[in-house]
Amino acid sequence: MAGSNLNHHRINYIEFAVIDLAKAKTFYSDAFGWGFNDYGPAYAGIKGETGEVGGLRTDAKVITGGPLVILYSENLESSLEQIKAAGGEISKSIYTFPGGRRFHFKDPSGNELAVWSEK
C-alpha cells in the first residue's frame, strides 16, 4: 500500500504486571540482560535497541492465562539455565514443534512466557 506506515497495527509495546518491581527487574536482568528506565516505585520501562519495547508495572496480583509472550534464543539450553539461575520456574520442559524447539517458564510474579529456537 503506497504511503502506508509499516508500524501501523504492529505490536509496539508489551507490559507485564508484577508483584515486586525490584525482584522482577533483577530476574529479567539476570535471565536476559534486559535494562530498564525507572519511572518511580511502581513502573519500569524495558529498554530495547531503538527505545522502550515494554514495561513492568506493579499490581496487587497477576492474572495468568492471557496471550503468551514468546522470546527467541540462539541457545535454548543456555537460556533455560539462565532462567533457572535467575529464579524462574520451568513450567514446560524443552519440546519440539514444527518450527523448532521451545520451553515455557514462569517469572517470580507468575507470568508465563516461552522461549523458542530453530531445530
N, C-alpha and C. Protein backbone atom coordinates (compact mmCIF):
# COMPACT_ATOMS: atom_id res chain seq x y z
N MET A 1 0.84 -1.16 0.00
CA MET A 1 0.00 0.00 0.00
C MET A 1 0.89 1.24 0.00
N ALA A 2 0.77 2.04 -0.99
CA ALA A 2 1.61 3.23 -1.12
C ALA A 2 1.39 4.19 0.04
N GLY A 3 2.48 4.67 0.60
CA GLY A 3 2.41 5.67 1.66
C GLY A 3 1.97 5.13 3.02
N SER A 4 1.84 3.82 3.17
CA SER A 4 1.39 3.29 4.45
C SER A 4 2.53 3.26 5.46
N ASN A 5 2.17 3.35 6.70
CA ASN A 5 3.12 3.28 7.80
C ASN A 5 3.34 1.82 8.14
N LEU A 6 4.58 1.32 8.04
CA LEU A 6 4.86 -0.08 8.30
C LEU A 6 4.63 -0.47 9.76
N ASN A 7 4.55 0.49 10.66
CA ASN A 7 4.31 0.20 12.07
C ASN A 7 2.83 0.17 12.43
N HIS A 8 1.97 0.56 11.51
CA HIS A 8 0.53 0.59 11.77
C HIS A 8 0.02 -0.80 12.12
N HIS A 9 -0.60 -0.94 13.26
CA HIS A 9 -1.21 -2.17 13.77
C HIS A 9 -0.20 -3.25 14.15
N ARG A 10 1.05 -2.90 14.29
CA ARG A 10 2.05 -3.87 14.77
C ARG A 10 2.15 -3.78 16.28
N ILE A 11 2.53 -4.87 16.91
CA ILE A 11 2.74 -4.82 18.35
C ILE A 11 3.88 -3.85 18.62
N ASN A 12 3.63 -2.90 19.49
CA ASN A 12 4.58 -1.83 19.73
C ASN A 12 5.19 -1.90 21.13
N TYR A 13 4.46 -2.43 22.08
CA TYR A 13 4.87 -2.36 23.49
C TYR A 13 4.15 -3.48 24.22
N ILE A 14 4.83 -4.14 25.13
CA ILE A 14 4.19 -5.18 25.93
C ILE A 14 4.45 -4.87 27.40
N GLU A 15 3.42 -4.98 28.19
CA GLU A 15 3.51 -4.60 29.60
C GLU A 15 3.18 -5.81 30.47
N PHE A 16 4.01 -6.03 31.47
CA PHE A 16 3.81 -7.14 32.41
C PHE A 16 3.40 -6.60 33.76
N ALA A 17 2.38 -7.19 34.35
CA ALA A 17 2.03 -6.90 35.73
C ALA A 17 2.99 -7.71 36.60
N VAL A 18 3.56 -7.08 37.62
CA VAL A 18 4.46 -7.77 38.54
C VAL A 18 4.08 -7.40 39.97
N ILE A 19 4.35 -8.28 40.88
CA ILE A 19 4.02 -8.04 42.28
C ILE A 19 5.13 -7.25 42.97
N ASP A 20 6.37 -7.57 42.67
CA ASP A 20 7.53 -6.92 43.28
C ASP A 20 8.41 -6.39 42.15
N LEU A 21 8.40 -5.09 41.93
CA LEU A 21 9.12 -4.49 40.81
C LEU A 21 10.63 -4.74 40.88
N ALA A 22 11.22 -4.57 42.04
CA ALA A 22 12.67 -4.78 42.18
C ALA A 22 13.05 -6.23 41.85
N LYS A 23 12.26 -7.16 42.36
CA LYS A 23 12.54 -8.59 42.11
C LYS A 23 12.37 -8.91 40.63
N ALA A 24 11.35 -8.34 39.99
CA ALA A 24 11.11 -8.58 38.56
C ALA A 24 12.26 -8.02 37.72
N LYS A 25 12.71 -6.80 38.05
CA LYS A 25 13.82 -6.20 37.31
C LYS A 25 15.08 -7.05 37.46
N THR A 26 15.35 -7.53 38.65
CA THR A 26 16.52 -8.38 38.87
C THR A 26 16.41 -9.67 38.06
N PHE A 27 15.23 -10.29 38.09
CA PHE A 27 15.03 -11.53 37.34
C PHE A 27 15.28 -11.32 35.86
N TYR A 28 14.62 -10.35 35.23
CA TYR A 28 14.76 -10.15 33.79
C TYR A 28 16.15 -9.67 33.39
N SER A 29 16.79 -8.93 34.26
CA SER A 29 18.16 -8.50 34.01
C SER A 29 19.11 -9.70 34.06
N ASP A 30 18.96 -10.53 35.09
CA ASP A 30 19.83 -11.71 35.24
C ASP A 30 19.56 -12.76 34.16
N ALA A 31 18.30 -12.98 33.83
CA ALA A 31 17.95 -14.03 32.88
C ALA A 31 18.24 -13.64 31.44
N PHE A 32 18.00 -12.37 31.07
CA PHE A 32 18.08 -11.96 29.67
C PHE A 32 18.96 -10.75 29.40
N GLY A 33 19.50 -10.13 30.44
CA GLY A 33 20.33 -8.95 30.26
C GLY A 33 19.54 -7.69 29.94
N TRP A 34 18.24 -7.68 30.26
CA TRP A 34 17.40 -6.53 29.97
C TRP A 34 17.79 -5.34 30.84
N GLY A 35 17.68 -4.15 30.30
CA GLY A 35 17.87 -2.91 31.03
C GLY A 35 16.54 -2.19 31.19
N PHE A 36 16.49 -1.23 32.10
CA PHE A 36 15.22 -0.59 32.43
C PHE A 36 15.37 0.92 32.58
N ASN A 37 14.29 1.62 32.28
CA ASN A 37 14.14 3.04 32.58
C ASN A 37 13.17 3.12 33.75
N ASP A 38 13.61 3.67 34.86
CA ASP A 38 12.76 3.76 36.05
C ASP A 38 11.88 4.99 36.00
N TYR A 39 10.60 4.78 36.31
CA TYR A 39 9.62 5.88 36.35
C TYR A 39 8.96 5.97 37.71
N GLY A 40 9.67 5.68 38.75
CA GLY A 40 9.10 5.72 40.08
C GLY A 40 9.01 4.32 40.67
N PRO A 41 8.40 4.22 41.84
CA PRO A 41 8.39 2.93 42.56
C PRO A 41 7.46 1.88 41.97
N ALA A 42 6.59 2.24 41.01
CA ALA A 42 5.61 1.28 40.52
C ALA A 42 5.73 0.94 39.04
N TYR A 43 6.75 1.51 38.32
CA TYR A 43 6.84 1.25 36.89
C TYR A 43 8.28 1.35 36.40
N ALA A 44 8.64 0.44 35.51
CA ALA A 44 9.94 0.49 34.83
C ALA A 44 9.75 0.11 33.38
N GLY A 45 10.28 0.92 32.47
CA GLY A 45 10.23 0.61 31.05
C GLY A 45 11.34 -0.34 30.67
N ILE A 46 11.07 -1.25 29.75
CA ILE A 46 12.06 -2.21 29.27
C ILE A 46 12.77 -1.58 28.08
N LYS A 47 14.09 -1.44 28.18
CA LYS A 47 14.88 -0.82 27.11
C LYS A 47 15.05 -1.79 25.95
N GLY A 48 14.87 -1.27 24.74
CA GLY A 48 15.12 -2.02 23.51
C GLY A 48 16.24 -1.34 22.75
N GLU A 49 16.54 -1.84 21.57
CA GLU A 49 17.63 -1.27 20.76
C GLU A 49 17.34 0.16 20.30
N THR A 50 16.09 0.45 20.02
CA THR A 50 15.75 1.78 19.48
C THR A 50 14.78 2.54 20.36
N GLY A 51 14.59 2.14 21.59
CA GLY A 51 13.65 2.78 22.50
C GLY A 51 13.04 1.73 23.40
N GLU A 52 12.04 2.12 24.12
CA GLU A 52 11.38 1.16 25.01
C GLU A 52 10.51 0.20 24.21
N VAL A 53 10.51 -1.06 24.64
CA VAL A 53 9.72 -2.08 23.97
C VAL A 53 8.63 -2.65 24.89
N GLY A 54 8.67 -2.24 26.15
CA GLY A 54 7.69 -2.75 27.10
C GLY A 54 7.90 -2.16 28.46
N GLY A 55 7.17 -2.71 29.42
CA GLY A 55 7.28 -2.20 30.77
C GLY A 55 6.87 -3.22 31.81
N LEU A 56 7.29 -2.95 33.04
CA LEU A 56 6.89 -3.72 34.21
C LEU A 56 6.09 -2.78 35.10
N ARG A 57 4.85 -3.16 35.41
CA ARG A 57 4.04 -2.32 36.28
C ARG A 57 3.64 -3.10 37.51
N THR A 58 3.73 -2.46 38.64
CA THR A 58 3.37 -3.10 39.90
C THR A 58 1.86 -3.23 39.99
N ASP A 59 1.41 -4.40 40.40
CA ASP A 59 -0.01 -4.67 40.58
C ASP A 59 -0.17 -5.56 41.81
N ALA A 60 -1.36 -5.58 42.39
CA ALA A 60 -1.61 -6.39 43.58
C ALA A 60 -1.61 -7.88 43.28
N LYS A 61 -2.00 -8.26 42.04
CA LYS A 61 -2.00 -9.67 41.66
C LYS A 61 -1.74 -9.78 40.16
N VAL A 62 -1.32 -10.96 39.77
CA VAL A 62 -1.05 -11.25 38.36
C VAL A 62 -2.08 -12.25 37.88
N ILE A 63 -2.73 -11.94 36.79
CA ILE A 63 -3.71 -12.84 36.19
C ILE A 63 -3.01 -13.58 35.06
N THR A 64 -2.98 -14.90 35.14
CA THR A 64 -2.30 -15.70 34.12
C THR A 64 -3.31 -16.23 33.11
N GLY A 65 -2.80 -16.76 32.02
CA GLY A 65 -3.64 -17.39 31.02
C GLY A 65 -3.98 -16.50 29.84
N GLY A 66 -3.42 -15.31 29.78
CA GLY A 66 -3.67 -14.42 28.65
C GLY A 66 -2.75 -14.76 27.49
N PRO A 67 -2.48 -13.81 26.62
CA PRO A 67 -1.58 -14.06 25.49
C PRO A 67 -0.20 -14.55 25.98
N LEU A 68 0.40 -15.43 25.22
CA LEU A 68 1.71 -15.97 25.57
C LEU A 68 2.79 -15.19 24.84
N VAL A 69 3.68 -14.58 25.60
CA VAL A 69 4.83 -13.87 25.03
C VAL A 69 5.92 -14.92 24.79
N ILE A 70 6.45 -14.95 23.57
CA ILE A 70 7.47 -15.93 23.21
C ILE A 70 8.73 -15.19 22.77
N LEU A 71 9.83 -15.47 23.46
CA LEU A 71 11.12 -14.87 23.16
C LEU A 71 11.94 -15.81 22.30
N TYR A 72 12.85 -15.28 21.51
CA TYR A 72 13.73 -16.10 20.68
C TYR A 72 15.08 -16.27 21.38
N SER A 73 15.70 -17.42 21.21
CA SER A 73 17.03 -17.68 21.77
C SER A 73 17.91 -18.34 20.72
N GLU A 74 19.17 -17.94 20.69
CA GLU A 74 20.14 -18.61 19.83
C GLU A 74 20.66 -19.89 20.47
N ASN A 75 20.50 -20.03 21.80
CA ASN A 75 20.95 -21.22 22.51
C ASN A 75 19.91 -21.55 23.58
N LEU A 76 18.98 -22.42 23.25
CA LEU A 76 17.84 -22.72 24.10
C LEU A 76 18.25 -23.28 25.46
N GLU A 77 19.20 -24.21 25.47
CA GLU A 77 19.63 -24.81 26.74
C GLU A 77 20.26 -23.76 27.66
N SER A 78 21.06 -22.88 27.10
CA SER A 78 21.69 -21.82 27.88
C SER A 78 20.63 -20.88 28.46
N SER A 79 19.64 -20.52 27.65
CA SER A 79 18.56 -19.65 28.13
C SER A 79 17.80 -20.31 29.27
N LEU A 80 17.52 -21.60 29.14
CA LEU A 80 16.82 -22.33 30.20
C LEU A 80 17.61 -22.27 31.50
N GLU A 81 18.91 -22.51 31.42
CA GLU A 81 19.75 -22.47 32.63
C GLU A 81 19.81 -21.07 33.23
N GLN A 82 19.89 -20.03 32.40
CA GLN A 82 19.91 -18.65 32.90
C GLN A 82 18.61 -18.32 33.62
N ILE A 83 17.49 -18.77 33.09
CA ILE A 83 16.20 -18.51 33.71
C ILE A 83 16.11 -19.21 35.06
N LYS A 84 16.55 -20.46 35.12
CA LYS A 84 16.53 -21.18 36.39
C LYS A 84 17.45 -20.50 37.41
N ALA A 85 18.64 -20.11 36.99
CA ALA A 85 19.60 -19.45 37.89
C ALA A 85 19.08 -18.11 38.40
N ALA A 86 18.26 -17.44 37.58
CA ALA A 86 17.71 -16.14 37.97
C ALA A 86 16.47 -16.28 38.86
N GLY A 87 16.01 -17.50 39.09
CA GLY A 87 14.86 -17.71 39.97
C GLY A 87 13.55 -18.01 39.25
N GLY A 88 13.62 -18.23 37.93
CA GLY A 88 12.42 -18.59 37.18
C GLY A 88 12.07 -20.05 37.37
N GLU A 89 10.81 -20.38 37.14
CA GLU A 89 10.33 -21.76 37.27
C GLU A 89 9.99 -22.28 35.87
N ILE A 90 10.58 -23.40 35.51
CA ILE A 90 10.30 -24.02 34.21
C ILE A 90 8.95 -24.72 34.31
N SER A 91 7.98 -24.29 33.50
CA SER A 91 6.64 -24.87 33.57
C SER A 91 6.41 -25.93 32.49
N LYS A 92 7.15 -25.88 31.39
CA LYS A 92 7.14 -26.92 30.36
C LYS A 92 8.57 -27.08 29.87
N SER A 93 9.11 -28.27 30.01
CA SER A 93 10.48 -28.54 29.57
C SER A 93 10.58 -28.39 28.05
N ILE A 94 11.81 -28.39 27.57
CA ILE A 94 12.05 -28.25 26.13
C ILE A 94 11.32 -29.35 25.36
N TYR A 95 10.59 -28.92 24.32
CA TYR A 95 9.89 -29.85 23.45
C TYR A 95 9.98 -29.34 22.01
N THR A 96 9.74 -30.25 21.06
CA THR A 96 9.80 -29.85 19.65
C THR A 96 8.40 -29.52 19.15
N PHE A 97 8.37 -28.65 18.16
CA PHE A 97 7.14 -28.32 17.43
C PHE A 97 7.57 -28.11 15.99
N PRO A 98 6.65 -28.01 15.04
CA PRO A 98 7.05 -27.96 13.62
C PRO A 98 8.09 -26.89 13.27
N GLY A 99 8.15 -25.76 14.00
CA GLY A 99 9.10 -24.70 13.67
C GLY A 99 10.41 -24.77 14.43
N GLY A 100 10.55 -25.67 15.38
CA GLY A 100 11.78 -25.75 16.16
C GLY A 100 11.56 -26.38 17.52
N ARG A 101 12.12 -25.76 18.55
CA ARG A 101 12.00 -26.26 19.92
C ARG A 101 11.68 -25.09 20.83
N ARG A 102 11.01 -25.37 21.96
CA ARG A 102 10.74 -24.31 22.92
C ARG A 102 10.47 -24.88 24.29
N PHE A 103 10.45 -23.97 25.28
CA PHE A 103 10.05 -24.30 26.64
C PHE A 103 9.28 -23.11 27.20
N HIS A 104 8.55 -23.36 28.29
CA HIS A 104 7.79 -22.31 28.96
C HIS A 104 8.35 -22.12 30.37
N PHE A 105 8.23 -20.90 30.89
CA PHE A 105 8.68 -20.63 32.25
C PHE A 105 7.77 -19.60 32.89
N LYS A 106 7.85 -19.53 34.23
CA LYS A 106 7.14 -18.51 34.98
C LYS A 106 8.16 -17.61 35.66
N ASP A 107 7.89 -16.30 35.60
CA ASP A 107 8.75 -15.35 36.30
C ASP A 107 8.36 -15.31 37.78
N PRO A 108 9.09 -14.59 38.62
CA PRO A 108 8.78 -14.58 40.06
C PRO A 108 7.37 -14.10 40.40
N SER A 109 6.70 -13.35 39.51
CA SER A 109 5.33 -12.90 39.78
C SER A 109 4.29 -13.89 39.28
N GLY A 110 4.72 -14.91 38.52
CA GLY A 110 3.79 -15.91 38.00
C GLY A 110 3.43 -15.74 36.54
N ASN A 111 3.97 -14.72 35.86
CA ASN A 111 3.73 -14.56 34.42
C ASN A 111 4.36 -15.72 33.68
N GLU A 112 3.63 -16.33 32.74
CA GLU A 112 4.21 -17.42 31.95
C GLU A 112 4.61 -16.88 30.59
N LEU A 113 5.86 -17.17 30.21
CA LEU A 113 6.41 -16.82 28.92
C LEU A 113 7.01 -18.08 28.32
N ALA A 114 7.42 -18.00 27.07
CA ALA A 114 8.10 -19.12 26.42
C ALA A 114 9.34 -18.61 25.72
N VAL A 115 10.25 -19.54 25.43
CA VAL A 115 11.46 -19.24 24.68
C VAL A 115 11.58 -20.31 23.61
N TRP A 116 11.86 -19.88 22.39
CA TRP A 116 11.98 -20.84 21.29
C TRP A 116 13.28 -20.66 20.52
N SER A 117 13.62 -21.69 19.75
CA SER A 117 14.79 -21.67 18.89
C SER A 117 14.53 -22.60 17.71
N GLU A 118 15.25 -22.37 16.62
CA GLU A 118 15.13 -23.29 15.50
C GLU A 118 15.64 -24.66 15.92
N LYS A 119 15.39 -25.66 15.07
CA LYS A 119 15.85 -27.03 15.38
C LYS A 119 17.34 -27.09 15.46
